[in-house]
N, C-alpha and C. Protein backbone atom coordinates (compact mmCIF):
# COMPACT_ATOMS: atom_id res chain seq x y z
N UNK A 1 186.18 -34.20 -86.30
CA UNK A 1 187.39 -33.82 -87.31
C UNK A 1 187.04 -32.68 -88.08
N UNK A 2 185.89 -32.66 -88.59
CA UNK A 2 185.37 -31.64 -89.42
C UNK A 2 185.61 -30.16 -88.72
N UNK A 3 185.38 -30.16 -87.24
CA UNK A 3 185.56 -28.90 -86.50
C UNK A 3 186.99 -28.64 -86.30
N UNK A 4 187.75 -29.67 -86.25
CA UNK A 4 189.23 -29.57 -85.90
C UNK A 4 189.76 -29.08 -87.05
N UNK A 5 189.48 -29.56 -88.10
CA UNK A 5 190.05 -28.99 -89.39
C UNK A 5 189.65 -27.58 -90.22
N UNK A 6 188.53 -27.13 -89.35
CA UNK A 6 187.98 -25.71 -89.89
C UNK A 6 187.13 -26.06 -90.95
N UNK A 7 186.52 -27.02 -91.26
CA UNK A 7 185.53 -27.24 -92.29
C UNK A 7 184.13 -26.98 -91.92
N UNK A 8 183.94 -26.90 -90.52
CA UNK A 8 182.58 -26.58 -90.08
C UNK A 8 182.95 -25.59 -88.92
N UNK A 9 182.33 -24.61 -88.48
CA UNK A 9 182.43 -23.64 -87.30
C UNK A 9 182.16 -24.32 -86.01
N UNK A 10 180.95 -25.26 -85.98
CA UNK A 10 180.45 -25.86 -84.76
C UNK A 10 180.03 -27.05 -84.90
N UNK A 11 180.08 -27.86 -83.89
CA UNK A 11 179.37 -29.06 -83.87
C UNK A 11 178.36 -29.14 -82.59
N UNK A 12 176.97 -29.39 -82.87
CA UNK A 12 176.12 -29.23 -81.75
C UNK A 12 175.12 -30.10 -81.63
N UNK A 13 175.43 -31.38 -82.19
CA UNK A 13 174.68 -32.56 -82.20
C UNK A 13 174.82 -33.43 -80.90
N UNK A 14 174.66 -33.18 -79.67
CA UNK A 14 174.91 -33.84 -78.70
C UNK A 14 176.28 -34.39 -78.42
N UNK A 15 177.23 -33.41 -78.51
CA UNK A 15 178.73 -33.60 -78.47
C UNK A 15 179.03 -33.84 -76.99
N UNK A 16 179.69 -34.98 -76.77
CA UNK A 16 179.87 -35.44 -75.31
C UNK A 16 181.51 -34.72 -74.91
N UNK A 17 181.27 -34.17 -73.61
CA UNK A 17 182.61 -33.49 -73.29
C UNK A 17 183.54 -34.48 -72.71
N UNK A 18 184.77 -34.67 -73.28
CA UNK A 18 185.59 -35.47 -72.48
C UNK A 18 186.99 -35.05 -72.72
N UNK A 19 188.04 -35.65 -71.80
CA UNK A 19 189.24 -34.92 -71.83
C UNK A 19 190.03 -35.17 -73.17
N UNK A 20 189.92 -36.23 -73.96
CA UNK A 20 190.61 -36.18 -75.15
C UNK A 20 189.95 -35.49 -76.23
N UNK A 21 188.72 -35.14 -76.39
CA UNK A 21 188.16 -34.21 -77.20
C UNK A 21 188.51 -32.66 -76.83
N UNK A 22 188.83 -32.59 -75.50
CA UNK A 22 189.03 -31.36 -74.91
C UNK A 22 190.60 -30.94 -75.43
N UNK A 23 191.15 -31.89 -75.85
CA UNK A 23 192.69 -31.41 -76.14
C UNK A 23 192.69 -30.81 -77.65
N UNK A 24 191.45 -31.45 -78.43
CA UNK A 24 191.32 -30.98 -79.76
C UNK A 24 190.63 -29.89 -80.27
N UNK A 25 189.44 -29.75 -79.36
CA UNK A 25 188.69 -28.69 -79.61
C UNK A 25 188.24 -28.01 -78.24
N UNK A 26 187.52 -26.79 -78.57
CA UNK A 26 186.78 -26.14 -77.14
C UNK A 26 185.47 -26.41 -77.01
N UNK A 27 184.93 -26.51 -76.05
CA UNK A 27 183.55 -26.87 -75.69
C UNK A 27 182.86 -25.52 -75.02
N UNK A 28 181.64 -25.48 -75.34
CA UNK A 28 180.90 -24.45 -74.60
C UNK A 28 180.46 -24.78 -73.39
N UNK A 29 179.83 -24.21 -72.73
CA UNK A 29 179.11 -24.42 -71.13
C UNK A 29 178.25 -25.40 -71.66
N UNK A 30 177.93 -26.40 -70.56
CA UNK A 30 177.29 -27.52 -70.77
C UNK A 30 175.76 -26.87 -70.94
N UNK A 31 174.90 -27.90 -71.80
CA UNK A 31 173.44 -27.12 -71.76
C UNK A 31 172.57 -28.28 -71.63
N UNK A 32 173.27 -29.72 -71.28
CA UNK A 32 172.31 -30.57 -70.98
C UNK A 32 173.20 -31.93 -70.28
N UNK A 33 172.72 -32.60 -69.18
CA UNK A 33 173.30 -33.46 -68.64
C UNK A 33 172.60 -34.99 -69.20
N UNK A 34 173.21 -36.16 -69.55
CA UNK A 34 172.76 -37.27 -70.23
C UNK A 34 173.11 -38.27 -69.11
N UNK A 35 172.16 -39.14 -68.95
CA UNK A 35 172.46 -40.43 -68.21
C UNK A 35 172.60 -41.82 -69.18
N UNK A 36 173.55 -42.41 -68.89
CA UNK A 36 173.69 -43.54 -69.71
C UNK A 36 173.20 -45.12 -69.01
N UNK A 37 172.53 -45.71 -69.67
CA UNK A 37 171.84 -46.80 -69.01
C UNK A 37 172.03 -48.13 -69.87
N UNK A 38 171.59 -49.33 -69.09
CA UNK A 38 171.90 -50.51 -69.95
C UNK A 38 170.35 -51.05 -70.18
N UNK A 39 170.21 -51.60 -71.50
CA UNK A 39 169.00 -52.32 -72.02
C UNK A 39 169.21 -53.61 -72.15
N UNK A 40 168.25 -54.43 -71.72
CA UNK A 40 168.37 -56.05 -71.95
C UNK A 40 167.15 -56.63 -72.49
N UNK A 41 167.14 -57.89 -72.77
CA UNK A 41 166.21 -58.61 -73.38
C UNK A 41 165.37 -59.00 -72.05
N UNK A 42 164.04 -58.51 -71.90
CA UNK A 42 163.33 -58.78 -71.12
C UNK A 42 163.10 -60.39 -70.51
N UNK A 43 163.20 -61.36 -71.62
CA UNK A 43 162.69 -62.63 -71.22
C UNK A 43 164.02 -63.37 -71.00
N UNK A 44 165.24 -62.74 -71.61
CA UNK A 44 166.47 -63.62 -71.29
C UNK A 44 167.63 -62.46 -71.16
N UNK A 45 167.48 -61.94 -69.91
CA UNK A 45 168.54 -60.76 -69.52
C UNK A 45 169.89 -61.55 -69.14
N UNK A 46 170.83 -61.24 -70.27
CA UNK A 46 172.29 -61.91 -70.01
C UNK A 46 173.10 -61.03 -69.36
N UNK A 47 172.52 -59.74 -68.81
CA UNK A 47 173.42 -58.94 -67.86
C UNK A 47 172.14 -58.54 -66.83
N UNK A 48 172.76 -58.84 -65.28
CA UNK A 48 171.82 -58.58 -64.26
C UNK A 48 171.81 -57.50 -63.65
N UNK A 49 172.99 -56.55 -63.67
CA UNK A 49 173.09 -55.20 -63.10
C UNK A 49 174.22 -54.41 -63.78
N UNK A 50 174.31 -53.22 -63.44
CA UNK A 50 175.31 -52.26 -64.11
C UNK A 50 176.78 -52.90 -64.02
N UNK A 51 176.88 -53.58 -63.06
CA UNK A 51 178.43 -54.08 -62.82
C UNK A 51 178.59 -55.57 -63.38
N UNK A 52 177.60 -55.84 -64.22
CA UNK A 52 177.82 -57.28 -64.86
C UNK A 52 177.95 -57.17 -66.36
N UNK A 53 178.84 -56.07 -66.78
CA UNK A 53 178.97 -55.85 -68.31
C UNK A 53 180.24 -56.57 -68.77
N UNK A 54 181.27 -57.04 -67.75
CA UNK A 54 182.48 -57.83 -68.18
C UNK A 54 182.14 -59.14 -68.98
N UNK A 55 182.82 -59.48 -69.80
CA UNK A 55 182.67 -60.64 -70.75
C UNK A 55 181.30 -60.97 -71.35
N UNK A 56 180.83 -59.57 -71.63
CA UNK A 56 179.35 -59.44 -72.54
C UNK A 56 179.67 -59.18 -73.77
N UNK A 57 178.57 -59.38 -74.85
CA UNK A 57 178.51 -58.51 -75.90
C UNK A 57 177.71 -57.56 -75.90
N UNK A 58 178.43 -56.39 -75.86
CA UNK A 58 177.90 -55.14 -75.71
C UNK A 58 177.56 -54.17 -77.10
N UNK A 59 176.22 -53.92 -77.16
CA UNK A 59 175.83 -52.87 -78.32
C UNK A 59 175.98 -51.46 -78.05
N UNK A 60 176.62 -50.77 -78.86
CA UNK A 60 176.70 -49.15 -78.75
C UNK A 60 176.36 -48.53 -80.14
N UNK A 61 175.98 -47.31 -80.07
CA UNK A 61 175.96 -46.43 -81.25
C UNK A 61 177.56 -46.10 -81.50
N UNK A 62 177.91 -46.17 -82.63
CA UNK A 62 179.49 -46.24 -82.88
C UNK A 62 179.64 -44.66 -82.88
N UNK A 63 180.91 -44.55 -81.95
CA UNK A 63 181.50 -43.11 -81.89
C UNK A 63 180.82 -42.24 -80.93
N UNK A 64 179.76 -42.74 -80.25
CA UNK A 64 179.08 -42.11 -79.11
C UNK A 64 179.75 -42.40 -77.91
N UNK A 65 179.37 -41.60 -76.78
CA UNK A 65 180.36 -41.64 -75.39
C UNK A 65 180.00 -42.86 -75.10
N UNK A 66 179.05 -43.93 -75.19
CA UNK A 66 179.11 -45.07 -74.71
C UNK A 66 179.94 -46.13 -75.40
N UNK A 67 180.17 -45.87 -76.55
CA UNK A 67 181.09 -46.55 -77.33
C UNK A 67 182.40 -46.35 -76.45
N UNK A 68 182.80 -45.05 -76.38
CA UNK A 68 184.06 -44.66 -75.59
C UNK A 68 184.21 -45.39 -74.09
N UNK A 69 183.06 -45.21 -73.51
CA UNK A 69 183.04 -46.14 -72.20
C UNK A 69 183.23 -47.33 -72.04
N UNK A 70 182.58 -48.13 -73.11
CA UNK A 70 182.90 -49.60 -73.15
C UNK A 70 184.12 -50.13 -73.60
N UNK A 71 184.86 -49.14 -74.40
CA UNK A 71 185.82 -49.48 -75.07
C UNK A 71 187.21 -49.09 -74.06
N UNK A 72 186.77 -48.67 -73.03
CA UNK A 72 187.88 -48.06 -71.97
C UNK A 72 188.08 -49.34 -70.97
N UNK A 73 189.18 -49.97 -71.20
CA UNK A 73 189.33 -51.15 -70.19
C UNK A 73 189.08 -50.99 -68.69
N UNK A 74 189.40 -49.91 -68.54
CA UNK A 74 189.06 -49.31 -66.91
C UNK A 74 187.98 -49.37 -66.42
N UNK A 75 186.99 -49.27 -67.43
CA UNK A 75 185.62 -49.10 -67.03
C UNK A 75 184.99 -50.60 -67.18
N UNK A 76 185.36 -51.62 -68.27
CA UNK A 76 184.66 -52.64 -68.74
C UNK A 76 185.52 -53.57 -69.59
N UNK A 77 185.59 -54.70 -69.53
CA UNK A 77 186.17 -55.61 -70.30
C UNK A 77 185.31 -56.36 -71.10
N UNK A 78 184.46 -56.07 -71.94
CA UNK A 78 183.60 -56.69 -72.73
C UNK A 78 184.00 -57.76 -73.45
N UNK A 79 183.31 -59.03 -73.78
CA UNK A 79 183.86 -60.07 -74.70
C UNK A 79 183.77 -59.39 -76.06
N UNK A 80 182.85 -58.55 -76.50
CA UNK A 80 183.02 -57.94 -77.79
C UNK A 80 182.06 -56.58 -77.60
N UNK A 81 182.62 -55.68 -78.38
CA UNK A 81 181.68 -54.62 -78.72
C UNK A 81 181.11 -54.49 -80.19
N UNK A 82 179.93 -54.53 -80.11
CA UNK A 82 179.09 -54.31 -81.51
C UNK A 82 178.78 -52.96 -81.81
N UNK A 83 179.18 -52.11 -82.82
CA UNK A 83 178.82 -50.68 -82.95
C UNK A 83 177.89 -50.65 -84.21
N UNK A 84 176.56 -49.95 -83.93
CA UNK A 84 175.58 -49.78 -84.82
C UNK A 84 175.43 -48.24 -85.14
N UNK A 85 175.18 -47.98 -86.38
CA UNK A 85 174.76 -46.59 -86.61
C UNK A 85 173.16 -46.37 -86.00
N UNK A 86 172.25 -47.31 -86.04
CA UNK A 86 171.33 -47.24 -85.44
C UNK A 86 170.75 -48.03 -84.45
N UNK A 87 169.87 -47.52 -83.29
CA UNK A 87 169.84 -48.51 -82.29
C UNK A 87 168.52 -49.45 -82.63
N UNK A 88 167.80 -49.11 -83.85
CA UNK A 88 166.82 -50.00 -84.10
C UNK A 88 167.53 -51.40 -84.41
N UNK A 89 168.47 -51.55 -85.08
CA UNK A 89 169.35 -52.58 -85.46
C UNK A 89 169.77 -53.28 -84.39
N UNK A 90 170.41 -52.67 -83.42
CA UNK A 90 170.97 -53.03 -82.03
C UNK A 90 169.71 -53.89 -81.31
N UNK A 91 168.65 -53.00 -81.29
CA UNK A 91 167.59 -53.65 -80.63
C UNK A 91 167.19 -54.87 -81.05
N UNK A 92 167.05 -55.04 -82.62
CA UNK A 92 166.71 -56.45 -83.13
C UNK A 92 167.74 -57.56 -82.74
N UNK A 93 168.92 -57.19 -82.83
CA UNK A 93 170.19 -58.13 -82.31
C UNK A 93 169.99 -58.63 -80.89
N UNK A 94 169.49 -57.54 -79.95
CA UNK A 94 169.20 -57.71 -78.53
C UNK A 94 167.97 -58.95 -78.57
N UNK A 95 166.82 -58.59 -79.03
CA UNK A 95 165.89 -59.24 -79.10
C UNK A 95 165.90 -60.88 -79.73
N UNK A 96 167.17 -60.97 -80.40
CA UNK A 96 167.54 -62.13 -81.07
C UNK A 96 168.98 -62.83 -80.48
N UNK A 97 169.12 -62.25 -79.22
CA UNK A 97 170.29 -62.70 -78.35
C UNK A 97 171.62 -62.87 -79.14
N UNK A 98 171.73 -61.91 -80.20
CA UNK A 98 172.89 -61.63 -80.83
C UNK A 98 173.95 -60.75 -80.04
N UNK A 99 173.13 -59.93 -79.13
CA UNK A 99 174.14 -58.97 -78.22
C UNK A 99 173.41 -59.32 -76.83
N UNK A 100 174.24 -59.18 -75.69
CA UNK A 100 173.92 -59.18 -74.24
C UNK A 100 173.05 -58.04 -73.89
N UNK A 101 173.66 -56.90 -74.48
CA UNK A 101 172.92 -55.58 -73.98
C UNK A 101 173.30 -54.62 -74.63
N UNK A 102 172.50 -53.42 -74.68
CA UNK A 102 172.94 -52.14 -75.35
C UNK A 102 173.34 -51.19 -74.21
N UNK A 103 174.30 -50.32 -74.11
CA UNK A 103 174.58 -49.27 -73.50
C UNK A 103 174.16 -47.93 -74.30
N UNK A 104 173.46 -46.80 -73.67
CA UNK A 104 172.76 -45.95 -74.59
C UNK A 104 172.38 -44.66 -73.52
N UNK A 105 171.84 -43.69 -74.18
CA UNK A 105 171.54 -42.53 -73.36
C UNK A 105 169.82 -42.86 -72.83
N UNK A 106 169.69 -42.53 -71.86
CA UNK A 106 168.42 -42.81 -71.02
C UNK A 106 166.98 -42.59 -71.89
N UNK A 107 167.33 -41.31 -72.63
CA UNK A 107 166.00 -41.02 -73.35
C UNK A 107 165.74 -41.71 -74.64
N UNK A 108 166.81 -41.93 -75.38
CA UNK A 108 166.40 -42.71 -76.44
C UNK A 108 166.19 -44.38 -76.05
N UNK A 109 166.77 -44.80 -74.83
CA UNK A 109 166.37 -46.03 -74.37
C UNK A 109 164.80 -46.02 -74.11
N UNK A 110 164.39 -45.02 -73.52
CA UNK A 110 163.09 -45.09 -72.90
C UNK A 110 162.10 -45.31 -74.13
N UNK A 111 162.54 -44.45 -75.28
CA UNK A 111 161.74 -44.66 -76.55
C UNK A 111 161.91 -46.19 -77.10
N UNK A 112 163.17 -46.59 -77.20
CA UNK A 112 163.31 -47.98 -77.82
C UNK A 112 162.69 -48.95 -76.98
N UNK A 113 162.59 -49.10 -75.39
CA UNK A 113 161.60 -50.07 -74.96
C UNK A 113 160.19 -49.84 -75.07
N UNK A 114 159.96 -48.38 -75.13
CA UNK A 114 158.41 -48.30 -75.29
C UNK A 114 157.91 -48.93 -76.82
N UNK A 115 158.91 -48.89 -77.64
CA UNK A 115 158.66 -49.52 -79.06
C UNK A 115 159.14 -51.02 -79.00
N UNK A 116 159.57 -51.41 -77.97
CA UNK A 116 159.78 -53.06 -78.02
C UNK A 116 159.32 -53.67 -76.68
N UNK A 117 158.47 -54.06 -76.62
CA UNK A 117 157.55 -54.87 -75.56
C UNK A 117 159.01 -55.90 -74.84
N UNK A 118 159.60 -56.60 -75.69
CA UNK A 118 160.55 -57.35 -75.16
C UNK A 118 161.91 -56.84 -74.63
N UNK A 119 162.06 -55.48 -74.57
CA UNK A 119 163.20 -55.12 -73.80
C UNK A 119 163.08 -54.39 -72.48
N UNK A 120 164.03 -54.26 -71.61
CA UNK A 120 163.71 -53.22 -70.48
C UNK A 120 165.08 -52.78 -70.24
N UNK A 121 165.01 -51.56 -69.34
CA UNK A 121 166.12 -50.82 -68.82
C UNK A 121 166.61 -51.45 -67.66
N UNK A 122 167.73 -51.79 -67.13
CA UNK A 122 167.92 -52.11 -66.06
C UNK A 122 167.95 -50.89 -65.17
N UNK A 123 167.67 -51.17 -63.82
CA UNK A 123 167.71 -49.91 -62.84
C UNK A 123 168.97 -49.47 -62.55
N UNK A 124 168.99 -48.45 -62.32
CA UNK A 124 170.32 -47.46 -62.22
C UNK A 124 170.78 -46.81 -63.26
N UNK A 125 171.94 -46.21 -63.05
CA UNK A 125 172.74 -45.41 -64.01
C UNK A 125 174.16 -45.96 -64.25
N UNK A 126 174.64 -46.14 -65.45
CA UNK A 126 175.97 -46.83 -65.55
C UNK A 126 176.97 -45.52 -65.47
N UNK A 127 176.43 -44.41 -66.09
CA UNK A 127 177.33 -43.20 -65.70
C UNK A 127 176.53 -42.19 -66.44
N UNK A 128 177.16 -40.79 -65.90
CA UNK A 128 176.55 -39.53 -66.57
C UNK A 128 177.35 -38.79 -67.72
N UNK A 129 176.68 -38.29 -68.38
CA UNK A 129 177.61 -37.35 -69.64
C UNK A 129 177.04 -36.05 -69.73
N UNK A 130 177.86 -35.33 -70.07
CA UNK A 130 177.47 -33.70 -70.46
C UNK A 130 177.83 -33.25 -71.77
N UNK A 131 176.78 -32.74 -72.44
CA UNK A 131 176.77 -32.44 -73.76
C UNK A 131 177.04 -30.67 -73.75
N UNK A 132 177.82 -30.58 -75.01
CA UNK A 132 178.21 -29.07 -74.88
C UNK A 132 178.29 -28.85 -76.81
N UNK A 133 178.68 -27.86 -76.99
CA UNK A 133 178.66 -27.35 -78.32
C UNK A 133 180.22 -27.47 -78.71
N UNK A 134 180.83 -28.20 -79.71
CA UNK A 134 182.33 -28.02 -79.91
C UNK A 134 182.63 -26.97 -81.03
N UNK A 135 183.83 -26.08 -80.85
CA UNK A 135 184.26 -25.24 -81.50
C UNK A 135 185.74 -25.59 -82.02
N UNK A 136 186.34 -24.90 -82.94
CA UNK A 136 187.67 -25.09 -83.24
C UNK A 136 188.51 -24.53 -82.17
N UNK A 137 189.48 -25.07 -81.70
CA UNK A 137 190.38 -24.76 -80.58
C UNK A 137 190.84 -23.20 -80.76
N UNK A 138 190.83 -22.52 -79.76
CA UNK A 138 191.09 -21.14 -79.99
C UNK A 138 189.95 -20.24 -80.44
N UNK A 139 188.88 -20.82 -80.95
CA UNK A 139 187.92 -19.77 -81.51
C UNK A 139 186.91 -19.19 -80.50
N UNK A 140 187.56 -18.38 -79.56
CA UNK A 140 187.04 -17.79 -78.59
C UNK A 140 185.87 -16.93 -78.84
N UNK A 141 185.83 -16.09 -79.91
CA UNK A 141 184.90 -15.39 -80.34
C UNK A 141 183.41 -15.93 -80.55
N UNK A 142 183.37 -16.98 -81.16
CA UNK A 142 182.31 -17.80 -81.62
C UNK A 142 181.93 -18.54 -80.36
N UNK A 143 182.99 -19.04 -79.40
CA UNK A 143 182.56 -19.81 -78.14
C UNK A 143 181.57 -18.73 -77.22
N UNK A 144 182.16 -17.57 -77.00
CA UNK A 144 181.52 -16.52 -76.20
C UNK A 144 180.25 -16.48 -76.81
N UNK A 145 179.85 -16.28 -77.88
CA UNK A 145 178.52 -15.91 -78.56
C UNK A 145 177.51 -17.28 -78.15
N UNK A 146 178.21 -18.22 -78.39
CA UNK A 146 177.42 -19.50 -78.06
C UNK A 146 177.05 -19.83 -76.80
N UNK A 147 178.10 -19.50 -75.72
CA UNK A 147 177.73 -19.68 -74.44
C UNK A 147 176.82 -18.57 -74.07
N UNK A 148 176.73 -17.28 -74.37
CA UNK A 148 175.74 -16.30 -74.07
C UNK A 148 174.29 -16.87 -74.45
N UNK A 149 174.17 -17.46 -75.82
CA UNK A 149 172.81 -18.00 -76.12
C UNK A 149 172.41 -19.01 -75.11
N UNK A 150 173.45 -20.01 -74.77
CA UNK A 150 173.03 -21.22 -74.07
C UNK A 150 172.51 -20.57 -72.52
N UNK A 151 173.17 -19.72 -71.82
CA UNK A 151 172.86 -18.98 -70.52
C UNK A 151 171.52 -18.36 -70.89
N UNK A 152 171.07 -17.86 -71.99
CA UNK A 152 169.73 -17.07 -72.15
C UNK A 152 168.93 -18.31 -72.58
N UNK A 153 169.19 -19.40 -73.11
CA UNK A 153 168.17 -20.40 -73.36
C UNK A 153 167.81 -21.28 -71.99
N UNK A 154 168.83 -21.55 -71.17
CA UNK A 154 168.90 -22.07 -69.79
C UNK A 154 167.97 -21.30 -68.90
N UNK A 155 168.33 -19.62 -68.60
CA UNK A 155 167.58 -18.76 -68.04
C UNK A 155 166.22 -18.89 -68.35
N UNK A 156 165.73 -18.62 -69.78
CA UNK A 156 164.36 -18.91 -70.18
C UNK A 156 163.55 -20.09 -70.04
N UNK A 157 164.27 -21.09 -69.61
CA UNK A 157 163.79 -22.44 -69.40
C UNK A 157 163.66 -23.04 -70.73
N UNK A 158 164.18 -22.80 -71.82
CA UNK A 158 163.94 -23.30 -73.00
C UNK A 158 164.47 -24.64 -73.22
N UNK A 159 165.82 -24.85 -72.73
CA UNK A 159 166.21 -26.11 -72.95
C UNK A 159 165.79 -27.12 -72.11
N UNK A 160 165.07 -26.78 -70.89
CA UNK A 160 164.52 -27.75 -70.28
C UNK A 160 162.94 -27.99 -70.89
N UNK A 161 162.54 -26.95 -71.54
CA UNK A 161 161.32 -27.20 -72.27
C UNK A 161 161.46 -28.27 -73.50
N UNK A 162 162.47 -27.90 -74.19
CA UNK A 162 162.82 -28.77 -75.38
C UNK A 162 163.01 -30.22 -75.03
N UNK A 163 163.86 -30.52 -74.18
CA UNK A 163 164.24 -31.64 -73.26
C UNK A 163 162.68 -32.51 -73.15
N UNK A 164 161.77 -31.91 -72.53
CA UNK A 164 160.79 -32.25 -72.11
C UNK A 164 159.81 -32.83 -73.29
N UNK A 165 159.65 -31.71 -74.14
CA UNK A 165 159.05 -32.17 -75.55
C UNK A 165 159.38 -33.20 -76.24
N UNK A 166 160.77 -33.25 -76.06
CA UNK A 166 161.39 -34.62 -77.10
C UNK A 166 161.89 -35.77 -76.45
N UNK A 167 161.51 -35.83 -75.07
CA UNK A 167 161.86 -37.03 -74.22
C UNK A 167 160.64 -37.32 -73.38
N UNK A 168 159.81 -36.69 -73.17
CA UNK A 168 158.70 -36.96 -72.26
C UNK A 168 159.10 -36.74 -70.89
N UNK A 169 160.07 -36.07 -70.61
CA UNK A 169 160.46 -35.97 -69.29
C UNK A 169 160.34 -34.41 -68.74
């Protein structure tokens, strides 16, 4: 909203590209693809596979792409969606069977599972997401500058290097 209202010039914190947002703001070229996965309680998995999300209590980070995905009845019809500001809280609720699963990005999911022996990532990919930088609709001058920097970072291997450094991949 801040970028739409002109309060900030750009938003660059893992902004997911989707049609709804594209109507409200312009996006740079993609700089990373994200893989969304499902995390379950190892001892008591209430979700067996990626297609088993209907009628489940699903945890997501509030407002992120997983939230939008599970909120769309064409994708999933959950029993309930619990929205969290931090995955640590969602992990505790999953370990205590207050939620059936967490839908989240693969990289933080790997970190979450590494820190919580009771949790595992289901095999497979729920969906893929693409990240870009968002700017106010029509700000092509700034968008062109951002795209030039992104292209250079990709060409120099810096995006891949950063991802590997921060995700272990």
